[in-house]
Amino acid sequence: MAKTLEQERLAFEEDARRLEERRKRLEEKEREQAIATIEKSGLFKLETRRLAALTDRIKALGIEAVEKRLAA
């Protein structure tokens, strides 16, 4: 009985490891997609100083406030 429980525990741990790997791959794909979106918008063409100032301002205002101002 103990062997079966141990095998089940190992199988569960392996499933958890595989799920964690899938989650990391998904996060990487989402990150790549976000970068591609920013690249398509032309923001990467800004000089570094201007891009940093823009992102700092977005952080300060918050995403919702920026979206609201842009929609107005």
N, C-alpha and C. Protein backbone atom coordinates (compact mmCIF):
# COMPACT_ATOMS: atom_id res chain seq x y z
N MET A 1 0.82 -1.19 0.00
CA MET A 1 0.00 0.00 0.00
C MET A 1 0.87 1.26 0.00
N ALA A 2 1.92 1.27 0.79
CA ALA A 2 2.78 2.44 0.86
C ALA A 2 3.43 2.71 -0.49
N LYS A 3 3.78 1.66 -1.21
CA LYS A 3 4.41 1.86 -2.51
C LYS A 3 3.44 2.54 -3.47
N THR A 4 2.22 2.14 -3.45
CA THR A 4 1.21 2.72 -4.32
C THR A 4 1.00 4.20 -3.97
N LEU A 5 0.94 4.51 -2.69
CA LEU A 5 0.79 5.90 -2.28
C LEU A 5 2.00 6.72 -2.69
N GLU A 6 3.17 6.14 -2.55
CA GLU A 6 4.40 6.84 -2.96
C GLU A 6 4.40 7.07 -4.47
N GLN A 7 3.98 6.08 -5.22
CA GLN A 7 3.91 6.25 -6.67
C GLN A 7 2.91 7.34 -7.04
N GLU A 8 1.79 7.36 -6.35
CA GLU A 8 0.78 8.38 -6.62
C GLU A 8 1.32 9.77 -6.28
N ARG A 9 2.05 9.87 -5.17
CA ARG A 9 2.64 11.15 -4.78
C ARG A 9 3.65 11.61 -5.83
N LEU A 10 4.48 10.68 -6.32
CA LEU A 10 5.46 11.03 -7.34
C LEU A 10 4.78 11.46 -8.65
N ALA A 11 3.71 10.76 -9.01
CA ALA A 11 2.98 11.12 -10.22
C ALA A 11 2.36 12.51 -10.06
N PHE A 12 1.84 12.80 -8.89
CA PHE A 12 1.26 14.11 -8.63
C PHE A 12 2.32 15.20 -8.73
N GLU A 13 3.49 14.96 -8.17
CA GLU A 13 4.58 15.93 -8.23
C GLU A 13 5.04 16.14 -9.67
N GLU A 14 5.07 15.08 -10.44
CA GLU A 14 5.46 15.19 -11.85
C GLU A 14 4.42 16.01 -12.62
N ASP A 15 3.15 15.77 -12.34
CA ASP A 15 2.09 16.56 -12.99
C ASP A 15 2.22 18.04 -12.62
N ALA A 16 2.51 18.31 -11.36
CA ALA A 16 2.67 19.69 -10.91
C ALA A 16 3.86 20.35 -11.60
N ARG A 17 4.94 19.61 -11.78
CA ARG A 17 6.13 20.13 -12.46
C ARG A 17 5.81 20.47 -13.92
N ARG A 18 5.09 19.55 -14.58
CA ARG A 18 4.72 19.79 -15.98
C ARG A 18 3.79 20.98 -16.12
N LEU A 19 2.86 21.11 -15.18
CA LEU A 19 1.94 22.24 -15.20
C LEU A 19 2.70 23.55 -15.01
N GLU A 20 3.66 23.56 -14.12
CA GLU A 20 4.48 24.75 -13.90
C GLU A 20 5.27 25.11 -15.16
N GLU A 21 5.80 24.12 -15.86
CA GLU A 21 6.52 24.37 -17.11
C GLU A 21 5.59 24.97 -18.16
N ARG A 22 4.37 24.44 -18.26
CA ARG A 22 3.39 24.98 -19.21
C ARG A 22 3.04 26.42 -18.87
N ARG A 23 2.88 26.71 -17.57
CA ARG A 23 2.57 28.06 -17.13
C ARG A 23 3.69 29.02 -17.51
N LYS A 24 4.94 28.59 -17.33
CA LYS A 24 6.08 29.43 -17.68
C LYS A 24 6.16 29.66 -19.19
N ARG A 25 5.88 28.63 -19.98
CA ARG A 25 5.88 28.80 -21.44
C ARG A 25 4.79 29.78 -21.87
N LEU A 26 3.62 29.67 -21.24
CA LEU A 26 2.53 30.58 -21.56
C LEU A 26 2.90 32.02 -21.20
N GLU A 27 3.50 32.22 -20.04
CA GLU A 27 3.93 33.56 -19.65
C GLU A 27 4.94 34.13 -20.64
N GLU A 28 5.85 33.29 -21.11
CA GLU A 28 6.84 33.74 -22.09
C GLU A 28 6.17 34.12 -23.41
N LYS A 29 5.19 33.33 -23.85
CA LYS A 29 4.46 33.67 -25.08
C LYS A 29 3.70 34.98 -24.92
N GLU A 30 3.09 35.18 -23.75
CA GLU A 30 2.36 36.42 -23.51
C GLU A 30 3.32 37.61 -23.52
N ARG A 31 4.49 37.43 -22.94
CA ARG A 31 5.50 38.50 -22.92
C ARG A 31 5.95 38.82 -24.34
N GLU A 32 6.23 37.79 -25.13
CA GLU A 32 6.65 38.00 -26.51
C GLU A 32 5.57 38.73 -27.31
N GLN A 33 4.31 38.36 -27.07
CA GLN A 33 3.20 39.01 -27.76
C GLN A 33 3.09 40.48 -27.35
N ALA A 34 3.27 40.76 -26.09
CA ALA A 34 3.22 42.15 -25.61
C ALA A 34 4.34 42.97 -26.23
N ILE A 35 5.53 42.42 -26.30
CA ILE A 35 6.66 43.12 -26.90
C ILE A 35 6.40 43.37 -28.38
N ALA A 36 5.84 42.38 -29.06
CA ALA A 36 5.53 42.55 -30.49
C ALA A 36 4.49 43.65 -30.68
N THR A 37 3.53 43.73 -29.80
CA THR A 37 2.50 44.77 -29.88
C THR A 37 3.12 46.15 -29.70
N ILE A 38 4.00 46.27 -28.72
CA ILE A 38 4.67 47.55 -28.48
C ILE A 38 5.54 47.91 -29.67
N GLU A 39 6.21 46.91 -30.22
CA GLU A 39 7.06 47.15 -31.38
C GLU A 39 6.23 47.65 -32.57
N LYS A 40 5.07 47.04 -32.80
CA LYS A 40 4.20 47.45 -33.91
C LYS A 40 3.68 48.87 -33.72
N SER A 41 3.54 49.29 -32.46
CA SER A 41 3.00 50.62 -32.20
C SER A 41 4.00 51.72 -32.53
N GLY A 42 5.26 51.35 -32.69
CA GLY A 42 6.29 52.33 -33.01
C GLY A 42 7.00 52.88 -31.78
N LEU A 43 6.63 52.44 -30.60
CA LEU A 43 7.26 52.96 -29.38
C LEU A 43 8.74 52.61 -29.29
N PHE A 44 9.14 51.50 -29.87
CA PHE A 44 10.56 51.13 -29.83
C PHE A 44 11.41 52.06 -30.69
N LYS A 45 10.76 52.84 -31.54
CA LYS A 45 11.51 53.79 -32.36
C LYS A 45 11.90 55.04 -31.59
N LEU A 46 11.25 55.25 -30.43
CA LEU A 46 11.61 56.41 -29.60
C LEU A 46 13.00 56.22 -29.03
N GLU A 47 13.67 57.32 -28.80
CA GLU A 47 14.97 57.21 -28.13
C GLU A 47 14.72 56.75 -26.70
N THR A 48 15.68 56.11 -26.14
CA THR A 48 15.54 55.46 -24.84
C THR A 48 15.06 56.43 -23.77
N ARG A 49 15.58 57.62 -23.76
CA ARG A 49 15.21 58.61 -22.75
C ARG A 49 13.73 58.96 -22.83
N ARG A 50 13.23 59.15 -24.03
CA ARG A 50 11.81 59.48 -24.22
C ARG A 50 10.91 58.32 -23.85
N LEU A 51 11.32 57.11 -24.22
CA LEU A 51 10.53 55.93 -23.89
C LEU A 51 10.48 55.73 -22.37
N ALA A 52 11.62 55.92 -21.71
CA ALA A 52 11.66 55.79 -20.25
C ALA A 52 10.77 56.83 -19.59
N ALA A 53 10.79 58.07 -20.07
CA ALA A 53 9.94 59.12 -19.51
C ALA A 53 8.47 58.79 -19.70
N LEU A 54 8.13 58.27 -20.87
CA LEU A 54 6.75 57.90 -21.16
C LEU A 54 6.28 56.77 -20.24
N THR A 55 7.08 55.74 -20.11
CA THR A 55 6.68 54.62 -19.26
C THR A 55 6.63 55.03 -17.79
N ASP A 56 7.53 55.92 -17.37
CA ASP A 56 7.47 56.43 -16.00
C ASP A 56 6.17 57.19 -15.75
N ARG A 57 5.77 57.98 -16.72
CA ARG A 57 4.52 58.74 -16.59
C ARG A 57 3.32 57.80 -16.54
N ILE A 58 3.33 56.77 -17.36
CA ILE A 58 2.24 55.79 -17.35
C ILE A 58 2.17 55.10 -15.99
N LYS A 59 3.34 54.74 -15.44
CA LYS A 59 3.37 54.12 -14.12
C LYS A 59 2.81 55.06 -13.06
N ALA A 60 3.17 56.33 -13.15
CA ALA A 60 2.73 57.31 -12.16
C ALA A 60 1.21 57.52 -12.22
N LEU A 61 0.67 57.61 -13.41
CA LEU A 61 -0.76 57.85 -13.57
C LEU A 61 -1.58 56.59 -13.33
N GLY A 62 -1.04 55.46 -13.73
CA GLY A 62 -1.78 54.20 -13.68
C GLY A 62 -2.41 53.92 -15.04
N ILE A 63 -2.49 52.66 -15.38
CA ILE A 63 -2.99 52.25 -16.69
C ILE A 63 -4.42 52.75 -16.93
N GLU A 64 -5.29 52.61 -15.92
CA GLU A 64 -6.69 53.02 -16.09
C GLU A 64 -6.79 54.51 -16.40
N ALA A 65 -6.02 55.33 -15.69
CA ALA A 65 -6.07 56.78 -15.92
C ALA A 65 -5.56 57.12 -17.32
N VAL A 66 -4.52 56.46 -17.76
CA VAL A 66 -3.99 56.71 -19.11
C VAL A 66 -5.02 56.32 -20.16
N GLU A 67 -5.63 55.15 -19.99
CA GLU A 67 -6.65 54.71 -20.94
C GLU A 67 -7.81 55.69 -20.97
N LYS A 68 -8.23 56.17 -19.81
CA LYS A 68 -9.33 57.11 -19.73
C LYS A 68 -8.99 58.41 -20.46
N ARG A 69 -7.76 58.92 -20.25
CA ARG A 69 -7.34 60.16 -20.90
C ARG A 69 -7.25 59.98 -22.42
N LEU A 70 -6.77 58.83 -22.85
CA LEU A 70 -6.64 58.60 -24.28
C LEU A 70 -8.00 58.42 -24.96
N ALA A 71 -8.95 57.89 -24.24
CA ALA A 71 -10.29 57.68 -24.79
C ALA A 71 -11.08 58.97 -24.88
N ALA A 72 -10.71 59.96 -24.07
CA ALA A 72 -11.46 61.24 -24.05
C ALA A 72 -11.24 62.05 -25.31
